[in-house]
Amino acid sequence: MRQRADWMVPIDDAILEYVRDAGEVPPAVIGRNIDTHRNYAGERCRTLAKYGLLERHDDGYYSISEYGEGYLDEELDATELTT
């Protein structure tokens, strides 16, 4: 079972799973594909990047990080992540 941190919300898993499958994508595409508003997807992506689960690229696109992969594979406890 994945170990979510207190700062995480349920949609974070959907974002991480989508980004892992899609590759490098912008928040608008993520939001459209997981059925949430692009602004909220962007907000969550920024938070996930702040904690190291996503990587933000200069063009505003996001990709999964090594920590994000570890979390999705249940090898990383997100409660251990700090900013």
C-alpha atoms as a PDB file:
ATOM      1  CA  MET A   1       0.000   0.000   0.000  1.00  0.00           C
ATOM      2  CA  ARG A   2       1.298   3.454  -0.900  1.00  0.00           C
ATOM      3  CA  GLN A   3       2.219   5.626   2.048  1.00  0.00           C
ATOM      4  CA  ARG A   4       0.823   9.124   1.427  1.00  0.00           C
ATOM      5  CA  ALA A   5       2.099  12.152   3.295  1.00  0.00           C
ATOM      6  CA  ASP A   6      -0.305  14.469   5.155  1.00  0.00           C
ATOM      7  CA  TRP A   7       0.108  17.134   2.453  1.00  0.00           C
ATOM      8  CA  MET A   8      -1.024  14.757  -0.300  1.00  0.00           C
ATOM      9  CA  VAL A   9      -4.575  14.493  -1.654  1.00  0.00           C
ATOM     10  CA  PRO A  10      -6.150  11.516  -3.463  1.00  0.00           C
ATOM     11  CA  ILE A  11      -5.816  13.103  -6.920  1.00  0.00           C
ATOM     12  CA  ASP A  12      -2.025  13.170  -6.518  1.00  0.00           C
ATOM     13  CA  ASP A  13      -1.884   9.436  -7.213  1.00  0.00           C
ATOM     14  CA  ALA A  14      -3.856   9.922 -10.438  1.00  0.00           C
ATOM     15  CA  ILE A  15      -1.504  12.719 -11.500  1.00  0.00           C
ATOM     16  CA  LEU A  16       1.601  10.661 -10.802  1.00  0.00           C
ATOM     17  CA  GLU A  17       0.195   7.608 -12.589  1.00  0.00           C
ATOM     18  CA  TYR A  18      -0.807   9.658 -15.626  1.00  0.00           C
ATOM     19  CA  VAL A  19       2.553  11.413 -15.869  1.00  0.00           C
ATOM     20  CA  ARG A  20       4.403   8.117 -15.531  1.00  0.00           C
ATOM     21  CA  ASP A  21       2.388   6.664 -18.414  1.00  0.00           C
ATOM     22  CA  ALA A  22       2.351   9.787 -20.616  1.00  0.00           C
ATOM     23  CA  GLY A  23       5.916  11.012 -20.197  1.00  0.00           C
ATOM     24  CA  GLU A  24       6.588  14.756 -20.241  1.00  0.00           C
ATOM     25  CA  VAL A  25       3.272  16.658 -20.147  1.00  0.00           C
ATOM     26  CA  PRO A  26       1.850  20.072 -19.161  1.00  0.00           C
ATOM     27  CA  PRO A  27      -0.748  20.455 -16.382  1.00  0.00           C
ATOM     28  CA  ALA A  28      -3.542  21.277 -18.865  1.00  0.00           C
ATOM     29  CA  VAL A  29      -3.126  17.877 -20.523  1.00  0.00           C
ATOM     30  CA  ILE A  30      -2.912  16.151 -17.156  1.00  0.00           C
ATOM     31  CA  GLY A  31      -6.105  17.853 -15.977  1.00  0.00           C
ATOM     32  CA  ARG A  32      -7.986  16.963 -19.148  1.00  0.00           C
ATOM     33  CA  ASN A  33      -6.978  13.312 -18.897  1.00  0.00           C
ATOM     34  CA  ILE A  34      -7.724  12.800 -15.210  1.00  0.00           C
ATOM     35  CA  ASP A  35     -10.934  14.861 -15.279  1.00  0.00           C
ATOM     36  CA  THR A  36      -9.906  17.818 -13.142  1.00  0.00           C
ATOM     37  CA  HIS A  37      -9.416  21.512 -13.844  1.00  0.00           C
ATOM     38  CA  ARG A  38      -6.057  22.393 -15.366  1.00  0.00           C
ATOM     39  CA  ASN A  39      -5.400  25.044 -12.704  1.00  0.00           C
ATOM     40  CA  TYR A  40      -5.890  22.504  -9.924  1.00  0.00           C
ATOM     41  CA  ALA A  41      -3.700  19.999 -11.785  1.00  0.00           C
ATOM     42  CA  GLY A  42      -1.033  22.706 -12.076  1.00  0.00           C
ATOM     43  CA  GLU A  43      -1.261  23.502  -8.372  1.00  0.00           C
ATOM     44  CA  ARG A  44      -0.873  19.848  -7.443  1.00  0.00           C
ATOM     45  CA  CYS A  45       1.990  19.368  -9.931  1.00  0.00           C
ATOM     46  CA  ARG A  46       3.863  22.266  -8.338  1.00  0.00           C
ATOM     47  CA  THR A  47       3.387  20.702  -4.906  1.00  0.00           C
ATOM     48  CA  LEU A  48       4.456  17.261  -6.115  1.00  0.00           C
ATOM     49  CA  ALA A  49       7.541  18.831  -7.710  1.00  0.00           C
ATOM     50  CA  LYS A  50       8.323  20.749  -4.518  1.00  0.00           C
ATOM     51  CA  TYR A  51       8.521  17.420  -2.667  1.00  0.00           C
ATOM     52  CA  GLY A  52      10.465  15.736  -5.474  1.00  0.00           C
ATOM     53  CA  LEU A  53       7.818  13.348  -6.843  1.00  0.00           C
ATOM     54  CA  LEU A  54       7.674  15.185 -10.181  1.00  0.00           C
ATOM     55  CA  GLU A  55      10.307  17.103 -12.114  1.00  0.00           C
ATOM     56  CA  ARG A  56       9.357  20.469 -13.595  1.00  0.00           C
ATOM     57  CA  HIS A  57      11.009  21.370 -16.873  1.00  0.00           C
ATOM     58  CA  ASP A  58      11.720  24.905 -18.107  1.00  0.00           C
ATOM     59  CA  ASP A  59       8.876  24.708 -20.622  1.00  0.00           C
ATOM     60  CA  GLY A  60       6.301  24.085 -17.846  1.00  0.00           C
ATOM     61  CA  TYR A  61       6.023  20.391 -18.566  1.00  0.00           C
ATOM     62  CA  TYR A  62       6.305  17.761 -15.834  1.00  0.00           C
ATOM     63  CA  SER A  63       7.771  14.277 -15.783  1.00  0.00           C
ATOM     64  CA  ILE A  64       7.937  11.592 -13.128  1.00  0.00           C
ATOM     65  CA  SER A  65      11.005  11.616 -10.897  1.00  0.00           C
ATOM     66  CA  GLU A  66      12.890   8.721  -9.361  1.00  0.00           C
ATOM     67  CA  TYR A  67      11.074   9.425  -6.079  1.00  0.00           C
ATOM     68  CA  GLY A  68       7.749   9.488  -7.922  1.00  0.00           C
ATOM     69  CA  GLU A  69       8.501   6.084  -9.443  1.00  0.00           C
ATOM     70  CA  GLY A  70       9.463   4.765  -6.021  1.00  0.00           C
ATOM     71  CA  TYR A  71       6.249   6.064  -4.479  1.00  0.00           C
ATOM     72  CA  LEU A  72       4.074   4.529  -7.211  1.00  0.00           C
ATOM     73  CA  ASP A  73       5.925   1.214  -6.885  1.00  0.00           C
ATOM     74  CA  GLU A  74       5.345   1.295  -3.091  1.00  0.00           C
ATOM     75  CA  GLU A  75       9.078   1.497  -2.441  1.00  0.00           C
ATOM     76  CA  LEU A  76       9.032   5.034  -1.030  1.00  0.00           C
ATOM     77  CA  ASP A  77       7.132   6.343   1.990  1.00  0.00           C
ATOM     78  CA  ALA A  78       6.036   9.875   1.031  1.00  0.00           C
ATOM     79  CA  THR A  79       5.884  10.885   4.707  1.00  0.00           C
ATOM     80  CA  GLU A  80       9.703  10.902   4.626  1.00  0.00           C
ATOM     81  CA  LEU A  81       9.861  13.606   1.931  1.00  0.00           C
ATOM     82  CA  THR A  82      10.713  17.160   2.913  1.00  0.00           C
ATOM     83  CA  THR A  83      11.051  20.370   0.956  1.00  0.00           C
END
